[in-house]
């Protein structure tokens, strides 16, 4: 799939927040039906996988919106640096 889109370098990051914050956000945007125990378990699973695979996790519940975006920008810059490094190989 990535090859078909001609993506040479990719990195996965998890943007996550705590249960209470996720429920608050879902209710605020009119998606209360997604604030379920099943969704909470899925979020815990994704966090566990990210931890196990040592993937970057941006905890948007503990950061301001600007800080969370800045973390993602930094991850993107790191990826751009990796891409330029691979071009030299």
Protein backbone atom coordinates (compact mmCIF):
# COMPACT_ATOMS: atom_id res chain seq x y z
CA UNK A 1 0.00 0.00 0.00
CA UNK A 2 2.74 2.49 0.89
CA UNK A 3 4.74 1.49 -2.18
CA UNK A 4 1.73 2.10 -4.41
CA UNK A 5 1.50 5.62 -2.95
CA UNK A 6 5.26 5.99 -3.52
CA UNK A 7 5.90 6.51 0.19
CA UNK A 8 9.52 5.51 0.83
CA UNK A 9 9.81 6.20 4.55
CA UNK A 10 7.01 6.09 7.12
CA UNK A 11 6.69 6.11 10.88
CA UNK A 12 3.73 5.29 13.09
CA UNK A 13 2.89 7.42 16.12
CA UNK A 14 -0.02 7.15 18.52
CA UNK A 15 -1.98 10.26 19.49
CA UNK A 16 -3.75 9.30 22.69
CA UNK A 17 -5.48 10.71 25.75
CA UNK A 18 -6.99 9.31 28.93
CA UNK A 19 -10.44 7.76 29.15
CA UNK A 20 -12.12 10.74 30.81
CA UNK A 21 -10.67 13.19 28.29
CA UNK A 22 -11.59 10.95 25.35
CA UNK A 23 -15.17 10.64 26.63
CA UNK A 24 -15.38 14.40 27.16
CA UNK A 25 -14.17 15.07 23.61
CA UNK A 26 -16.49 12.49 22.08
CA UNK A 27 -19.51 13.93 23.89
CA UNK A 28 -18.48 17.50 22.94
CA UNK A 29 -18.38 16.64 19.24
CA UNK A 30 -21.63 14.69 19.27
CA UNK A 31 -20.16 11.18 19.10
CA UNK A 32 -21.32 9.89 22.49
CA UNK A 33 -21.98 6.45 21.01
CA UNK A 34 -18.19 5.98 20.74
CA UNK A 35 -17.63 6.50 24.49
CA UNK A 36 -17.92 2.78 25.30
CA UNK A 37 -15.98 0.21 27.30
CA UNK A 38 -15.08 -1.50 24.02
CA UNK A 39 -13.51 1.71 22.70
CA UNK A 40 -11.68 2.15 26.01
CA UNK A 41 -10.25 -1.37 25.66
CA UNK A 42 -9.24 -0.67 22.07
CA UNK A 43 -7.43 2.52 23.15
CA UNK A 44 -5.63 0.57 25.90
CA UNK A 45 -4.64 -2.09 23.36
CA UNK A 46 -3.24 0.52 20.97
CA UNK A 47 -1.25 2.16 23.77
CA UNK A 48 0.12 -1.22 24.82
CA UNK A 49 1.16 -1.98 21.25
CA UNK A 50 2.81 1.41 20.90
CA UNK A 51 4.68 0.85 24.18
CA UNK A 52 5.76 -2.65 23.16
CA UNK A 53 6.97 -1.47 19.76
CA UNK A 54 8.58 1.66 21.22
CA UNK A 55 6.53 3.90 18.99
CA UNK A 56 6.19 7.58 19.79
CA UNK A 57 3.10 8.42 21.84
CA UNK A 58 1.71 11.95 21.92
CA UNK A 59 -0.51 12.26 24.99
CA UNK A 60 -2.87 14.97 23.81
CA UNK A 61 -4.73 14.89 27.13
CA UNK A 62 -1.73 16.23 29.01
CA UNK A 63 -0.66 18.75 26.39
CA UNK A 64 -2.26 21.84 25.00
CA UNK A 65 -3.40 21.60 21.39
CA UNK A 66 -0.37 23.66 20.35
CA UNK A 67 2.03 21.41 22.28
CA UNK A 68 0.53 18.24 20.75
CA UNK A 69 0.82 19.71 17.25
CA UNK A 70 4.43 20.73 17.96
CA UNK A 71 5.24 17.13 18.99
CA UNK A 72 3.80 15.89 15.71
CA UNK A 73 5.76 18.53 13.79
CA UNK A 74 8.96 17.35 15.50
CA UNK A 75 8.20 13.73 14.57
CA UNK A 76 7.65 14.83 10.98
CA UNK A 77 10.95 16.69 10.95
CA UNK A 78 12.69 13.59 12.32
CA UNK A 79 11.13 11.60 9.49
CA UNK A 80 12.30 14.16 6.93
CA UNK A 81 15.83 13.88 8.36
CA UNK A 82 15.66 10.09 8.04
CA UNK A 83 14.48 10.42 4.45
CA UNK A 84 17.37 12.70 3.53
CA UNK A 85 19.77 10.24 5.20
CA UNK A 86 18.34 7.34 3.12
CA UNK A 87 18.78 9.33 -0.09
CA UNK A 88 22.55 9.33 0.56
CA UNK A 89 22.72 5.52 0.67
